[in-house]
Amino acid sequence: MIEKRATQRHRVFKGGTVTFEGSGVACTVRNISDSGAAIDLENPGLLPHAFTLSISCDNFVRNCRAVWRNDRRVGLAFMQ
């Protein structure tokens, strides 16, 4: 498989929250880089195209957009 990412992602296993339309959904952050991340969600089909990802243990908050989805995992790009 050819790597297309601009920056290398680092494997993590952290609890996060996806926020959109005034509600929050728990997720698991599986990998992260300066430009994006991959998260696992119970029902990724309900996730809108743009949302906010928060990782409270790291004081991390980023606006994101979904770039790919499969089964329970969603690939994110952080918006500048």
PDB file of N, CA and C in Angstrom:
ATOM      1  N   MET A   1       0.841  -1.181   0.000  1.00  0.00           N
ATOM      2  CA  MET A   1       0.000   0.000   0.000  1.00  0.00           C
ATOM      3  C   MET A   1       0.889   1.247   0.000  1.00  0.00           C
ATOM      4  N   ILE A   2       0.575   2.203  -0.820  1.00  0.00           N
ATOM      5  CA  ILE A   2       1.348   3.436  -0.925  1.00  0.00           C
ATOM      6  C   ILE A   2       0.845   4.443   0.106  1.00  0.00           C
ATOM      7  N   GLU A   3       1.780   4.969   0.897  1.00  0.00           N
ATOM      8  CA  GLU A   3       1.443   5.962   1.925  1.00  0.00           C
ATOM      9  C   GLU A   3       1.203   7.312   1.254  1.00  0.00           C
ATOM     10  N   LYS A   4       0.019   7.893   1.482  1.00  0.00           N
ATOM     11  CA  LYS A   4      -0.347   9.172   0.875  1.00  0.00           C
ATOM     12  C   LYS A   4      -0.356  10.322   1.871  1.00  0.00           C
ATOM     13  N   ARG A   5      -0.136  10.035   3.142  1.00  0.00           N
ATOM     14  CA  ARG A   5      -0.196  11.077   4.157  1.00  0.00           C
ATOM     15  C   ARG A   5       1.041  11.971   4.101  1.00  0.00           C
ATOM     16  N   ALA A   6       0.834  13.260   4.375  1.00  0.00           N
ATOM     17  CA  ALA A   6       1.938  14.215   4.383  1.00  0.00           C
ATOM     18  C   ALA A   6       2.795  14.062   5.635  1.00  0.00           C
ATOM     19  N   THR A   7       2.184  13.656   6.748  1.00  0.00           N
ATOM     20  CA  THR A   7       2.922  13.462   8.000  1.00  0.00           C
ATOM     21  C   THR A   7       2.594  12.085   8.568  1.00  0.00           C
ATOM     22  N   GLN A   8       3.562  11.481   9.236  1.00  0.00           N
ATOM     23  CA  GLN A   8       3.382  10.154   9.797  1.00  0.00           C
ATOM     24  C   GLN A   8       2.425  10.188  10.985  1.00  0.00           C
ATOM     25  N   ARG A   9       1.535   9.219  11.042  1.00  0.00           N
ATOM     26  CA  ARG A   9       0.629   9.102  12.183  1.00  0.00           C
ATOM     27  C   ARG A   9       1.228   8.184  13.231  1.00  0.00           C
ATOM     28  N   HIS A  10       0.884   8.468  14.487  1.00  0.00           N
ATOM     29  CA  HIS A  10       1.378   7.684  15.611  1.00  0.00           C
ATOM     30  C   HIS A  10       0.217   6.918  16.225  1.00  0.00           C
ATOM     31  N   ARG A  11       0.434   5.637  16.475  1.00  0.00           N
ATOM     32  CA  ARG A  11      -0.618   4.819  17.077  1.00  0.00           C
ATOM     33  C   ARG A  11      -0.877   5.271  18.505  1.00  0.00           C
ATOM     34  N   VAL A  12      -2.153   5.399  18.843  1.00  0.00           N
ATOM     35  CA  VAL A  12      -2.574   5.741  20.199  1.00  0.00           C
ATOM     36  C   VAL A  12      -3.835   4.943  20.510  1.00  0.00           C
ATOM     37  N   PHE A  13      -4.243   4.980  21.749  1.00  0.00           N
ATOM     38  CA  PHE A  13      -5.506   4.366  22.174  1.00  0.00           C
ATOM     39  C   PHE A  13      -6.062   5.276  23.254  1.00  0.00           C
ATOM     40  N   LYS A  14      -6.762   6.323  22.808  1.00  0.00           N
ATOM     41  CA  LYS A  14      -7.255   7.347  23.732  1.00  0.00           C
ATOM     42  C   LYS A  14      -8.747   7.563  23.523  1.00  0.00           C
ATOM     43  N   GLY A  15      -9.415   7.848  24.634  1.00  0.00           N
ATOM     44  CA  GLY A  15     -10.825   8.196  24.562  1.00  0.00           C
ATOM     45  C   GLY A  15     -10.980   9.623  24.062  1.00  0.00           C
ATOM     46  N   GLY A  16     -11.935   9.830  23.193  1.00  0.00           N
ATOM     47  CA  GLY A  16     -12.205  11.155  22.659  1.00  0.00           C
ATOM     48  C   GLY A  16     -13.695  11.401  22.560  1.00  0.00           C
ATOM     49  N   THR A  17     -14.038  12.607  22.145  1.00  0.00           N
ATOM     50  CA  THR A  17     -15.436  12.974  21.933  1.00  0.00           C
ATOM     51  C   THR A  17     -15.550  13.703  20.605  1.00  0.00           C
ATOM     52  N   VAL A  18     -16.521  13.288  19.821  1.00  0.00           N
ATOM     53  CA  VAL A  18     -16.854  13.963  18.575  1.00  0.00           C
ATOM     54  C   VAL A  18     -18.084  14.817  18.856  1.00  0.00           C
ATOM     55  N   THR A  19     -18.001  16.106  18.540  1.00  0.00           N
ATOM     56  CA  THR A  19     -19.098  17.024  18.821  1.00  0.00           C
ATOM     57  C   THR A  19     -19.626  17.621  17.525  1.00  0.00           C
ATOM     58  N   PHE A  20     -20.960  17.597  17.380  1.00  0.00           N
ATOM     59  CA  PHE A  20     -21.618  18.206  16.225  1.00  0.00           C
ATOM     60  C   PHE A  20     -23.068  18.456  16.581  1.00  0.00           C
ATOM     61  N   GLU A  21     -23.631  19.509  16.028  1.00  0.00           N
ATOM     62  CA  GLU A  21     -25.039  19.862  16.240  1.00  0.00           C
ATOM     63  C   GLU A  21     -25.424  19.849  17.718  1.00  0.00           C
ATOM     64  N   GLY A  22     -24.527  20.310  18.585  1.00  0.00           N
ATOM     65  CA  GLY A  22     -24.837  20.437  20.002  1.00  0.00           C
ATOM     66  C   GLY A  22     -24.802  19.156  20.806  1.00  0.00           C
ATOM     67  N   SER A  23     -24.367  18.040  20.199  1.00  0.00           N
ATOM     68  CA  SER A  23     -24.290  16.791  20.963  1.00  0.00           C
ATOM     69  C   SER A  23     -22.898  16.196  20.848  1.00  0.00           C
ATOM     70  N   GLY A  24     -22.559  15.325  21.795  1.00  0.00           N
ATOM     71  CA  GLY A  24     -21.263  14.673  21.804  1.00  0.00           C
ATOM     72  C   GLY A  24     -21.398  13.164  21.744  1.00  0.00           C
ATOM     73  N   VAL A  25     -20.486  12.526  21.008  1.00  0.00           N
ATOM     74  CA  VAL A  25     -20.472  11.079  20.857  1.00  0.00           C
ATOM     75  C   VAL A  25     -19.078  10.584  21.226  1.00  0.00           C
ATOM     76  N   ALA A  26     -19.007   9.575  22.077  1.00  0.00           N
ATOM     77  CA  ALA A  26     -17.725   9.006  22.475  1.00  0.00           C
ATOM     78  C   ALA A  26     -17.083   8.277  21.302  1.00  0.00           C
ATOM     79  N   CYS A  27     -15.744   8.365  21.231  1.00  0.00           N
ATOM     80  CA  CYS A  27     -14.992   7.666  20.202  1.00  0.00           C
ATOM     81  C   CYS A  27     -13.667   7.208  20.794  1.00  0.00           C
ATOM     82  N   THR A  28     -12.960   6.367  20.061  1.00  0.00           N
ATOM     83  CA  THR A  28     -11.612   5.950  20.422  1.00  0.00           C
ATOM     84  C   THR A  28     -10.666   6.425  19.330  1.00  0.00           C
ATOM     85  N   VAL A  29      -9.669   7.199  19.720  1.00  0.00           N
ATOM     86  CA  VAL A  29      -8.673   7.681  18.766  1.00  0.00           C
ATOM     87  C   VAL A  29      -7.633   6.585  18.613  1.00  0.00           C
ATOM     88  N   ARG A  30      -7.422   6.105  17.388  1.00  0.00           N
ATOM     89  CA  ARG A  30      -6.528   4.979  17.128  1.00  0.00           C
ATOM     90  C   ARG A  30      -5.167   5.410  16.611  1.00  0.00           C
ATOM     91  N   ASN A  31      -5.117   6.521  15.855  1.00  0.00           N
ATOM     92  CA  ASN A  31      -3.840   7.089  15.444  1.00  0.00           C
ATOM     93  C   ASN A  31      -4.026   8.570  15.190  1.00  0.00           C
ATOM     94  N   ILE A  32      -2.908   9.314  15.232  1.00  0.00           N
ATOM     95  CA  ILE A  32      -3.008  10.768  15.136  1.00  0.00           C
ATOM     96  C   ILE A  32      -1.706  11.331  14.574  1.00  0.00           C
ATOM     97  N   SER A  33      -1.814  12.441  13.852  1.00  0.00           N
ATOM     98  CA  SER A  33      -0.654  13.176  13.348  1.00  0.00           C
ATOM     99  C   SER A  33      -0.978  14.661  13.431  1.00  0.00           C
ATOM    100  N   ASP A  34      -0.095  15.487  12.915  1.00  0.00           N
ATOM    101  CA  ASP A  34      -0.350  16.927  12.894  1.00  0.00           C
ATOM    102  C   ASP A  34      -1.495  17.292  11.957  1.00  0.00           C
ATOM    103  N   SER A  35      -1.785  16.432  10.985  1.00  0.00           N
ATOM    104  CA  SER A  35      -2.792  16.785   9.980  1.00  0.00           C
ATOM    105  C   SER A  35      -4.085  15.989  10.050  1.00  0.00           C
ATOM    106  N   GLY A  36      -4.129  14.917  10.865  1.00  0.00           N
ATOM    107  CA  GLY A  36      -5.357  14.130  10.919  1.00  0.00           C
ATOM    108  C   GLY A  36      -5.288  13.005  11.923  1.00  0.00           C
ATOM    109  N   ALA A  37      -6.307  12.153  11.893  1.00  0.00           N
ATOM    110  CA  ALA A  37      -6.400  11.044  12.836  1.00  0.00           C
ATOM    111  C   ALA A  37      -7.339   9.983  12.275  1.00  0.00           C
ATOM    112  N   ALA A  38      -7.366   8.848  12.948  1.00  0.00           N
ATOM    113  CA  ALA A  38      -8.362   7.817  12.679  1.00  0.00           C
ATOM    114  C   ALA A  38      -9.049   7.510  13.994  1.00  0.00           C
ATOM    115  N   ILE A  39     -10.362   7.429  13.958  1.00  0.00           N
ATOM    116  CA  ILE A  39     -11.143   7.160  15.161  1.00  0.00           C
ATOM    117  C   ILE A  39     -12.078   5.987  14.918  1.00  0.00           C
ATOM    118  N   ASP A  40     -12.438   5.315  15.996  1.00  0.00           N
ATOM    119  CA  ASP A  40     -13.461   4.270  15.957  1.00  0.00           C
ATOM    120  C   ASP A  40     -14.713   4.813  16.633  1.00  0.00           C
ATOM    121  N   LEU A  41     -15.851   4.562  15.992  1.00  0.00           N
ATOM    122  CA  LEU A  41     -17.162   4.985  16.504  1.00  0.00           C
ATOM    123  C   LEU A  41     -18.118   3.807  16.468  1.00  0.00           C
ATOM    124  N   GLU A  42     -19.059   3.805  17.387  1.00  0.00           N
ATOM    125  CA  GLU A  42     -20.083   2.760  17.399  1.00  0.00           C
ATOM    126  C   GLU A  42     -20.935   2.811  16.126  1.00  0.00           C
ATOM    127  N   ASN A  43     -21.305   4.025  15.688  1.00  0.00           N
ATOM    128  CA  ASN A  43     -22.139   4.174  14.491  1.00  0.00           C
ATOM    129  C   ASN A  43     -21.618   5.333  13.634  1.00  0.00           C
ATOM    130  N   PRO A  44     -20.591   5.109  12.819  1.00  0.00           N
ATOM    131  CA  PRO A  44     -19.997   6.199  12.045  1.00  0.00           C
ATOM    132  C   PRO A  44     -20.915   6.756  10.964  1.00  0.00           C
ATOM    133  N   GLY A  45     -21.980   6.042  10.631  1.00  0.00           N
ATOM    134  CA  GLY A  45     -22.909   6.529   9.621  1.00  0.00           C
ATOM    135  C   GLY A  45     -23.637   7.797  10.035  1.00  0.00           C
ATOM    136  N   LEU A  46     -23.726   8.066  11.334  1.00  0.00           N
ATOM    137  CA  LEU A  46     -24.408   9.261  11.828  1.00  0.00           C
ATOM    138  C   LEU A  46     -23.510  10.491  11.863  1.00  0.00           C
ATOM    139  N   LEU A  47     -22.219  10.303  11.623  1.00  0.00           N
ATOM    140  CA  LEU A  47     -21.257  11.400  11.695  1.00  0.00           C
ATOM    141  C   LEU A  47     -21.391  12.307  10.472  1.00  0.00           C
ATOM    142  N   PRO A  48     -21.522  13.625  10.691  1.00  0.00           N
ATOM    143  CA  PRO A  48     -21.600  14.543   9.545  1.00  0.00           C
ATOM    144  C   PRO A  48     -20.222  14.716   8.911  1.00  0.00           C
ATOM    145  N   HIS A  49     -20.167  15.436   7.816  1.00  0.00           N
ATOM    146  CA  HIS A  49     -18.906  15.655   7.104  1.00  0.00           C
ATOM    147  C   HIS A  49     -17.923  16.471   7.949  1.00  0.00           C
ATOM    148  N   ALA A  50     -18.387  17.467   8.687  1.00  0.00           N
ATOM    149  CA  ALA A  50     -17.515  18.319   9.514  1.00  0.00           C
ATOM    150  C   ALA A  50     -17.983  18.280  10.962  1.00  0.00           C
ATOM    151  N   PHE A  51     -17.027  18.288  11.910  1.00  0.00           N
ATOM    152  CA  PHE A  51     -17.326  18.159  13.330  1.00  0.00           C
ATOM    153  C   PHE A  51     -16.087  18.551  14.122  1.00  0.00           C
ATOM    154  N   THR A  52     -16.151  18.435  15.455  1.00  0.00           N
ATOM    155  CA  THR A  52     -15.022  18.743  16.336  1.00  0.00           C
ATOM    156  C   THR A  52     -14.596  17.480  17.069  1.00  0.00           C
ATOM    157  N   LEU A  53     -13.287  17.231  17.122  1.00  0.00           N
ATOM    158  CA  LEU A  53     -12.726  16.125  17.890  1.00  0.00           C
ATOM    159  C   LEU A  53     -12.041  16.694  19.121  1.00  0.00           C
ATOM    160  N   SER A  54     -12.363  16.148  20.297  1.00  0.00           N
ATOM    161  CA  SER A  54     -11.735  16.550  21.557  1.00  0.00           C
ATOM    162  C   SER A  54     -11.134  15.328  22.228  1.00  0.00           C
ATOM    163  N   ILE A  55      -9.918  15.498  22.761  1.00  0.00           N
ATOM    164  CA  ILE A  55      -9.279  14.474  23.587  1.00  0.00           C
ATOM    165  C   ILE A  55      -8.960  15.174  24.904  1.00  0.00           C
ATOM    166  N   SER A  56      -9.805  14.974  25.905  1.00  0.00           N
ATOM    167  CA  SER A  56      -9.709  15.763  27.139  1.00  0.00           C
ATOM    168  C   SER A  56      -8.412  15.532  27.898  1.00  0.00           C
ATOM    169  N   CYS A  57      -7.865  14.327  27.907  1.00  0.00           N
ATOM    170  CA  CYS A  57      -6.646  14.060  28.661  1.00  0.00           C
ATOM    171  C   CYS A  57      -5.440  14.821  28.106  1.00  0.00           C
ATOM    172  N   ASP A  58      -5.532  15.274  26.849  1.00  0.00           N
ATOM    173  CA  ASP A  58      -4.442  16.023  26.208  1.00  0.00           C
ATOM    174  C   ASP A  58      -4.784  17.496  25.990  1.00  0.00           C
ATOM    175  N   ASN A  59      -5.956  17.945  26.470  1.00  0.00           N
ATOM    176  CA  ASN A  59      -6.427  19.307  26.164  1.00  0.00           C
ATOM    177  C   ASN A  59      -6.377  19.578  24.663  1.00  0.00           C
ATOM    178  N   PHE A  60      -6.839  18.629  23.887  1.00  0.00           N
ATOM    179  CA  PHE A  60      -6.758  18.661  22.431  1.00  0.00           C
ATOM    180  C   PHE A  60      -8.147  18.898  21.854  1.00  0.00           C
ATOM    181  N   VAL A  61      -8.291  19.912  21.018  1.00  0.00           N
ATOM    182  CA  VAL A  61      -9.562  20.194  20.338  1.00  0.00           C
ATOM    183  C   VAL A  61      -9.233  20.636  18.919  1.00  0.00           C
ATOM    184  N   ARG A  62      -9.824  19.960  17.914  1.00  0.00           N
ATOM    185  CA  ARG A  62      -9.602  20.330  16.519  1.00  0.00           C
ATOM    186  C   ARG A  62     -10.900  20.201  15.731  1.00  0.00           C
ATOM    187  N   ASN A  63     -11.117  21.133  14.825  1.00  0.00           N
ATOM    188  CA  ASN A  63     -12.185  21.001  13.842  1.00  0.00           C
ATOM    189  C   ASN A  63     -11.700  20.033  12.779  1.00  0.00           C
ATOM    190  N   CYS A  64     -12.592  19.145  12.352  1.00  0.00           N
ATOM    191  CA  CYS A  64     -12.209  18.062  11.440  1.00  0.00           C
ATOM    192  C   CYS A  64     -13.218  17.912  10.316  1.00  0.00           C
ATOM    193  N   ARG A  65     -12.786  17.153   9.316  1.00  0.00           N
ATOM    194  CA  ARG A  65     -13.701  16.680   8.282  1.00  0.00           C
ATOM    195  C   ARG A  65     -13.381  15.219   8.031  1.00  0.00           C
ATOM    196  N   ALA A  66     -14.404  14.441   7.740  1.00  0.00           N
ATOM    197  CA  ALA A  66     -14.220  13.020   7.445  1.00  0.00           C
ATOM    198  C   ALA A  66     -13.697  12.882   6.019  1.00  0.00           C
ATOM    199  N   VAL A  67     -12.652  12.068   5.842  1.00  0.00           N
ATOM    200  CA  VAL A  67     -12.111  11.851   4.500  1.00  0.00           C
ATOM    201  C   VAL A  67     -12.322  10.428   4.009  1.00  0.00           C
ATOM    202  N   TRP A  68     -12.529   9.484   4.896  1.00  0.00           N
ATOM    203  CA  TRP A  68     -12.892   8.123   4.519  1.00  0.00           C
ATOM    204  C   TRP A  68     -13.576   7.434   5.698  1.00  0.00           C
ATOM    205  N   ARG A  69     -14.332   6.391   5.390  1.00  0.00           N
ATOM    206  CA  ARG A  69     -15.050   5.615   6.404  1.00  0.00           C
ATOM    207  C   ARG A  69     -15.049   4.157   5.992  1.00  0.00           C
ATOM    208  N   ASN A  70     -14.905   3.263   6.966  1.00  0.00           N
ATOM    209  CA  ASN A  70     -15.146   1.843   6.723  1.00  0.00           C
ATOM    210  C   ASN A  70     -15.531   1.182   8.037  1.00  0.00           C
ATOM    211  N   ASP A  71     -16.545   0.409   8.006  1.00  0.00           N
ATOM    212  CA  ASP A  71     -17.073  -0.295   9.169  1.00  0.00           C
ATOM    213  C   ASP A  71     -17.208   0.654  10.354  1.00  0.00           C
ATOM    214  N   ARG A  72     -16.341   0.589  11.353  1.00  0.00           N
ATOM    215  CA  ARG A  72     -16.436   1.454  12.539  1.00  0.00           C
ATOM    216  C   ARG A  72     -15.377   2.552  12.552  1.00  0.00           C
ATOM    217  N   ARG A  73     -14.472   2.559  11.601  1.00  0.00           N
ATOM    218  CA  ARG A  73     -13.349   3.511  11.610  1.00  0.00           C
ATOM    219  C   ARG A  73     -13.594   4.648  10.619  1.00  0.00           C
ATOM    220  N   VAL A  74     -13.175   5.857  11.036  1.00  0.00           N
ATOM    221  CA  VAL A  74     -13.302   7.056  10.206  1.00  0.00           C
ATOM    222  C   VAL A  74     -11.949   7.752  10.169  1.00  0.00           C
ATOM    223  N   GLY A  75     -11.491   8.109   8.978  1.00  0.00           N
ATOM    224  CA  GLY A  75     -10.266   8.872   8.815  1.00  0.00           C
ATOM    225  C   GLY A  75     -10.606  10.362   8.794  1.00  0.00           C
ATOM    226  N   LEU A  76      -9.860  11.146   9.555  1.00  0.00           N
ATOM    227  CA  LEU A  76     -10.136  12.578   9.698  1.00  0.00           C
ATOM    228  C   LEU A  76      -8.989  13.411   9.162  1.00  0.00           C
ATOM    229  N   ALA A  77      -9.318  14.563   8.634  1.00  0.00           N
ATOM    230  CA  ALA A  77      -8.325  15.589   8.314  1.00  0.00           C
ATOM    231  C   ALA A  77      -8.647  16.785   9.194  1.00  0.00           C
ATOM    232  N   PHE A  78      -7.626  17.337   9.849  1.00  0.00           N
ATOM    233  CA  PHE A  78      -7.840  18.517  10.662  1.00  0.00           C
ATOM    234  C   PHE A  78      -7.936  19.733   9.753  1.00  0.00           C
ATOM    235  N   MET A  79      -8.902  20.581  10.038  1.00  0.00           N
ATOM    236  CA  MET A  79      -9.114  21.792   9.230  1.00  0.00           C
ATOM    237  C   MET A  79      -8.305  22.937   9.816  1.00  0.00           C
ATOM    238  N   GLN A  80      -7.715  23.713   8.960  1.00  0.00           N
ATOM    239  CA  GLN A  80      -6.885  24.848   9.404  1.00  0.00           C
ATOM    240  C   GLN A  80      -7.687  26.080   9.594  1.00  0.00           C
TER     241      GLN A  80
END
